[in-house]
Amino acid sequence: MSGEWLTRPSPRFVMGAFLVSGVVHLVRPAVFEPSIPRALPKPREIVQISGVVELACAAGLAAGAGWAGRASAVVLLGVWPANLQMALDATTQARDSGQPRDIVRAALTWARMPLQIPMIRAVLTPPARIPA
């Protein structure tokens, strides 16, 4: 087995991530509200709208809609600052508490940052065709 899934995951992986994340955005928006920049108004509404957009992208990827790859890439780029904020906040929490669970959480939030690059690549690059 090659490590290609790390460098170019399937668009289905992104679809699944959007599906799970989109549902959590709508069911438990408080999880994501701290990642919204403080300068923006109405963080709950922003989280809910982004959840709907992620679910729409998941549906578009599932249906093979032509717009879905580009829209998904825009969403992934758009949430990158929020993911950075979450990583910075988790690092502060880990530094302040010194608790192993907070340290692990911080490490996982930082690990997620570079993984968005292959996810963007996955939704923008058509899958290789197998010759008949």
C-alpha atoms as a PDB file:
ATOM      1  CA  MET A   1       0.000   0.000   0.000  1.00  0.00           C
ATOM      2  CA  SER A   2       1.385   3.366  -0.981  1.00  0.00           C
ATOM      3  CA  GLY A   3       1.187   6.543   1.019  1.00  0.00           C
ATOM      4  CA  GLU A   4      -0.740   8.263  -1.791  1.00  0.00           C
ATOM      5  CA  TRP A   5      -3.787   8.737   0.447  1.00  0.00           C
ATOM      6  CA  LEU A   6      -1.677  11.190   2.444  1.00  0.00           C
ATOM      7  CA  THR A   7      -0.630  13.225  -0.574  1.00  0.00           C
ATOM      8  CA  ARG A   8      -3.860  12.894  -2.539  1.00  0.00           C
ATOM      9  CA  PRO A   9      -6.817  11.579  -0.584  1.00  0.00           C
ATOM     10  CA  SER A  10      -9.989  10.682  -2.393  1.00  0.00           C
ATOM     11  CA  PRO A  11     -12.611  13.391  -2.838  1.00  0.00           C
ATOM     12  CA  ARG A  12     -14.806  10.952  -0.884  1.00  0.00           C
ATOM     13  CA  PHE A  13     -12.592  11.571   2.156  1.00  0.00           C
ATOM     14  CA  VAL A  14     -13.227  15.308   1.840  1.00  0.00           C
ATOM     15  CA  MET A  15     -16.935  14.619   1.336  1.00  0.00           C
ATOM     16  CA  GLY A  16     -17.001  12.582   4.555  1.00  0.00           C
ATOM     17  CA  ALA A  17     -15.086  15.248   6.461  1.00  0.00           C
ATOM     18  CA  PHE A  18     -17.505  17.929   5.254  1.00  0.00           C
ATOM     19  CA  LEU A  19     -20.484  15.767   6.139  1.00  0.00           C
ATOM     20  CA  VAL A  20     -19.321  15.197   9.721  1.00  0.00           C
ATOM     21  CA  SER A  21     -18.077  18.742  10.222  1.00  0.00           C
ATOM     22  CA  GLY A  22     -21.186  20.284   8.682  1.00  0.00           C
ATOM     23  CA  VAL A  23     -23.461  18.342  11.010  1.00  0.00           C
ATOM     24  CA  VAL A  24     -21.384  19.313  14.061  1.00  0.00           C
ATOM     25  CA  HIS A  25     -21.479  22.971  12.939  1.00  0.00           C
ATOM     26  CA  LEU A  26     -25.281  22.812  13.046  1.00  0.00           C
ATOM     27  CA  VAL A  27     -25.813  20.577  16.088  1.00  0.00           C
ATOM     28  CA  ARG A  28     -23.065  21.977  18.343  1.00  0.00           C
ATOM     29  CA  PRO A  29     -22.070  25.381  16.970  1.00  0.00           C
ATOM     30  CA  ALA A  30     -20.447  26.335  20.277  1.00  0.00           C
ATOM     31  CA  VAL A  31     -17.579  23.957  19.383  1.00  0.00           C
ATOM     32  CA  PHE A  32     -16.556  26.221  16.505  1.00  0.00           C
ATOM     33  CA  GLU A  33     -17.549  29.659  17.784  1.00  0.00           C
ATOM     34  CA  PRO A  34     -14.185  30.336  19.506  1.00  0.00           C
ATOM     35  CA  SER A  35     -12.396  29.970  16.155  1.00  0.00           C
ATOM     36  CA  ILE A  36     -14.335  32.864  14.612  1.00  0.00           C
ATOM     37  CA  PRO A  37     -12.214  36.032  14.637  1.00  0.00           C
ATOM     38  CA  ARG A  38     -13.422  38.369  17.363  1.00  0.00           C
ATOM     39  CA  ALA A  39     -13.731  41.235  14.871  1.00  0.00           C
ATOM     40  CA  LEU A  40     -16.524  39.444  13.000  1.00  0.00           C
ATOM     41  CA  PRO A  41     -20.102  39.848  14.202  1.00  0.00           C
ATOM     42  CA  LYS A  42     -22.506  37.009  15.017  1.00  0.00           C
ATOM     43  CA  PRO A  43     -20.133  34.042  15.348  1.00  0.00           C
ATOM     44  CA  ARG A  44     -22.977  31.537  15.825  1.00  0.00           C
ATOM     45  CA  GLU A  45     -24.558  32.533  12.527  1.00  0.00           C
ATOM     46  CA  ILE A  46     -21.197  32.332  10.767  1.00  0.00           C
ATOM     47  CA  VAL A  47     -20.678  28.819  12.140  1.00  0.00           C
ATOM     48  CA  GLN A  48     -24.156  27.731  11.080  1.00  0.00           C
ATOM     49  CA  ILE A  49     -23.774  29.165   7.581  1.00  0.00           C
ATOM     50  CA  SER A  50     -20.410  27.442   7.177  1.00  0.00           C
ATOM     51  CA  GLY A  51     -22.027  24.171   8.273  1.00  0.00           C
ATOM     52  CA  VAL A  52     -24.687  24.498   5.593  1.00  0.00           C
ATOM     53  CA  VAL A  53     -21.999  25.310   3.009  1.00  0.00           C
ATOM     54  CA  GLU A  54     -19.954  22.241   4.029  1.00  0.00           C
ATOM     55  CA  LEU A  55     -23.057  20.032   3.716  1.00  0.00           C
ATOM     56  CA  ALA A  56     -23.800  21.518   0.289  1.00  0.00           C
ATOM     57  CA  CYS A  57     -20.234  20.803  -0.822  1.00  0.00           C
ATOM     58  CA  ALA A  58     -20.490  17.241   0.512  1.00  0.00           C
ATOM     59  CA  ALA A  59     -23.698  16.728  -1.464  1.00  0.00           C
ATOM     60  CA  GLY A  60     -22.098  18.227  -4.574  1.00  0.00           C
ATOM     61  CA  LEU A  61     -19.034  15.988  -4.263  1.00  0.00           C
ATOM     62  CA  ALA A  62     -21.285  12.947  -3.762  1.00  0.00           C
ATOM     63  CA  ALA A  63     -23.283  13.844  -6.871  1.00  0.00           C
ATOM     64  CA  GLY A  64     -20.173  14.592  -8.932  1.00  0.00           C
ATOM     65  CA  ALA A  65     -21.338  18.157  -9.572  1.00  0.00           C
ATOM     66  CA  GLY A  66     -18.852  20.199 -11.586  1.00  0.00           C
ATOM     67  CA  TRP A  67     -18.926  23.138  -9.151  1.00  0.00           C
ATOM     68  CA  ALA A  68     -18.316  21.027  -6.050  1.00  0.00           C
ATOM     69  CA  GLY A  69     -14.535  20.657  -6.336  1.00  0.00           C
ATOM     70  CA  ARG A  70     -13.873  24.362  -6.725  1.00  0.00           C
ATOM     71  CA  ALA A  71     -16.411  25.281  -4.041  1.00  0.00           C
ATOM     72  CA  SER A  72     -14.885  22.725  -1.663  1.00  0.00           C
ATOM     73  CA  ALA A  73     -11.402  24.151  -2.262  1.00  0.00           C
ATOM     74  CA  VAL A  74     -12.692  27.647  -1.483  1.00  0.00           C
ATOM     75  CA  VAL A  75     -14.284  26.363   1.740  1.00  0.00           C
ATOM     76  CA  LEU A  76     -11.059  24.610   2.764  1.00  0.00           C
ATOM     77  CA  LEU A  77      -9.075  27.790   2.137  1.00  0.00           C
ATOM     78  CA  GLY A  78     -11.705  29.873   3.917  1.00  0.00           C
ATOM     79  CA  VAL A  79     -11.622  27.803   7.111  1.00  0.00           C
ATOM     80  CA  TRP A  80      -7.827  27.695   7.247  1.00  0.00           C
ATOM     81  CA  PRO A  81      -7.644  30.885   9.374  1.00  0.00           C
ATOM     82  CA  ALA A  82     -10.208  29.417  11.780  1.00  0.00           C
ATOM     83  CA  ASN A  83      -8.176  26.223  12.025  1.00  0.00           C
ATOM     84  CA  LEU A  84      -5.067  28.307  12.721  1.00  0.00           C
ATOM     85  CA  GLN A  85      -6.926  30.160  15.469  1.00  0.00           C
ATOM     86  CA  MET A  86      -8.019  26.833  16.977  1.00  0.00           C
ATOM     87  CA  ALA A  87      -4.405  25.586  16.912  1.00  0.00           C
ATOM     88  CA  LEU A  88      -3.113  28.762  18.555  1.00  0.00           C
ATOM     89  CA  ASP A  89      -5.820  28.627  21.230  1.00  0.00           C
ATOM     90  CA  ALA A  90      -5.165  24.934  21.880  1.00  0.00           C
ATOM     91  CA  THR A  91      -1.444  25.649  22.226  1.00  0.00           C
ATOM     92  CA  THR A  92      -2.132  28.383  24.775  1.00  0.00           C
ATOM     93  CA  GLN A  93      -4.441  26.049  26.696  1.00  0.00           C
ATOM     94  CA  ALA A  94      -1.821  23.275  26.660  1.00  0.00           C
ATOM     95  CA  ARG A  95       0.917  25.648  27.808  1.00  0.00           C
ATOM     96  CA  ASP A  96      -1.252  27.005  30.619  1.00  0.00           C
ATOM     97  CA  SER A  97      -2.595  23.686  31.856  1.00  0.00           C
ATOM     98  CA  GLY A  98       0.247  21.282  31.112  1.00  0.00           C
ATOM     99  CA  GLN A  99      -2.379  18.532  30.974  1.00  0.00           C
ATOM    100  CA  PRO A 100      -1.609  15.638  28.590  1.00  0.00           C
ATOM    101  CA  ARG A 101      -5.081  15.816  26.986  1.00  0.00           C
ATOM    102  CA  ASP A 102      -4.568  19.514  26.196  1.00  0.00           C
ATOM    103  CA  ILE A 103      -1.111  18.813  24.772  1.00  0.00           C
ATOM    104  CA  VAL A 104      -2.530  16.062  22.547  1.00  0.00           C
ATOM    105  CA  ARG A 105      -5.377  18.348  21.439  1.00  0.00           C
ATOM    106  CA  ALA A 106      -2.890  21.066  20.513  1.00  0.00           C
ATOM    107  CA  ALA A 107      -0.757  18.599  18.558  1.00  0.00           C
ATOM    108  CA  LEU A 108      -3.799  17.334  16.657  1.00  0.00           C
ATOM    109  CA  THR A 109      -4.987  20.819  15.763  1.00  0.00           C
ATOM    110  CA  TRP A 110      -1.544  21.657  14.376  1.00  0.00           C
ATOM    111  CA  ALA A 111      -1.378  18.340  12.493  1.00  0.00           C
ATOM    112  CA  ARG A 112      -4.645  19.201  10.769  1.00  0.00           C
ATOM    113  CA  MET A 113      -3.210  22.378   9.216  1.00  0.00           C
ATOM    114  CA  PRO A 114      -0.953  20.808   6.540  1.00  0.00           C
ATOM    115  CA  LEU A 115      -3.501  18.051   5.838  1.00  0.00           C
ATOM    116  CA  GLN A 116      -5.750  20.617   4.179  1.00  0.00           C
ATOM    117  CA  ILE A 117      -3.274  20.867   1.285  1.00  0.00           C
ATOM    118  CA  PRO A 118      -3.857  17.299   0.033  1.00  0.00           C
ATOM    119  CA  MET A 119      -7.580  17.735   0.693  1.00  0.00           C
ATOM    120  CA  ILE A 120      -7.603  20.782  -1.606  1.00  0.00           C
ATOM    121  CA  ARG A 121      -5.607  18.839  -4.162  1.00  0.00           C
ATOM    122  CA  ALA A 122      -8.083  15.955  -3.942  1.00  0.00           C
ATOM    123  CA  VAL A 123     -11.092  18.097  -4.791  1.00  0.00           C
ATOM    124  CA  LEU A 124      -9.332  19.994  -7.587  1.00  0.00           C
ATOM    125  CA  THR A 125      -7.591  17.096  -9.335  1.00  0.00           C
ATOM    126  CA  PRO A 126      -9.731  14.646 -11.268  1.00  0.00           C
ATOM    127  CA  PRO A 127      -9.078  11.025 -10.298  1.00  0.00           C
ATOM    128  CA  ALA A 128      -6.790   9.038 -12.566  1.00  0.00           C
ATOM    129  CA  ARG A 129      -8.651   6.898 -15.058  1.00  0.00           C
ATOM    130  CA  ILE A 130      -7.893   3.197 -15.233  1.00  0.00           C
ATOM    131  CA  PRO A 131      -7.311   2.158 -18.852  1.00  0.00           C
ATOM    132  CA  ALA A 132      -9.929  -0.221 -20.248  1.00  0.00           C
END
